[in-house]
Amino acid sequence: MESLSELNGTAPPPPHSSTERNFPALIFGVSLIVVIICGNVLVCLSVYREKALKTTTNYFIVSLAVADLLLAVLVLPLFVYAEFQGGVWSLDTVVCDGLMAMDVMLCTASIFNLCAISVDRFIAVSVPLNYNRRHVDQRQIILLSGTWLLALAVASPIIFGINNVPNRDPTVCKLEDDNYVVYSSVCSFFIPCPIMLLLYCGMFHGLRRWEEARKAKLKKSIQACCKLQHAAAAAALPPLAALPTPMPVLPRVIQQDLAQCNMDELDDDMQPSCPLPPEYSNSTIQTVAYSEIQNTAQRKKRAKINGRERKAMKVLPVVV
């Protein structure tokens, strides 16, 4: 007896060929998994090994790194395997449900960790005196615990069997309930995203007000310092009546002549005043300086007199 498909002239679709493999998806997926694992492991090790990085903000970053690391280890390999098989799910449906639950929980945990970081930063900016930067207090513990508990709550319907719908295709691994898709999207994205935007806008305005207050305070401090400096300078200066009267300014020509006279006197003072020994004076051999240093005392005396006379002749008319 012929089947209905043969009577209609159509044949059933051939089974999926085992030779169809998506190697580009495999290479890209494995590379992405390796990069994600290495990056998040380095983040966790940096905070664990370096004491200066053990701050409350970095603990939230470690929680985010753990969520991404678990996503790369538990979820992405199965998705890469399914893509390598040509998009066909060849494993059991229970494994598919577990994969969907982990996917929703870890992706939601990553987004909630980002939201928790924004809440923590907003508290640090708004009430900095009540913020503990070095040790995890009760507030941080509540935020970290609430992040993972809420992520588990969003993924819990899959654990309780919401993905088991009638006429389910076992060759496709996806979320079967459309209502749950909307619910998980709202909880994982449409609620945390506006909260983060509002918190970061509040932080921006708070930091801007703090910067304006800091500049105003700095300006007042500078003005107060300037007033103190002016007051100290006014107290240190003597009154105008006690200041000495300035000396009259001589013409440039007279100043040059006085300077020349002073130089002549200095040159005369630098000449040797002691007479030469008799053997040098009676010697027939003339040295280079012998003719110049004869009668030194007479020339020195005459130069001093001439210099003083010139100085008196030039200064006296100006003073009078």
Foldseek 3Di string as FASTA:
>chain_A
DDDPCVVVVHDDDDDQDQVQFDVVLLVVLVVVLVVLQVVLVVLVVCCVPDLVNQWLLSVLVNQLSVLSNCCSVPASVQVSVCVRSVVWDPDFVVSLLVNQLSVLLSLLLNLLSVLLSLVLVLCCLPPVVPHDTRDDDPVSVCSSVVSNVLSNVLSVVSVVPPQDDPPDDGGHRDRDDPVSVVVSCCSRPVVSVVSSVVSVVSSVVSVVVVVVVVVVVVVVVVVVVVVVVVVVVVVPDDDPVPDDDDDDDDDPVLVVLLVVLVVLLVVLVPQDPDDDDPVVVPDPDDDPCRVVCPPSVVVNVVSVVVSVVVNCVRVVVVVD
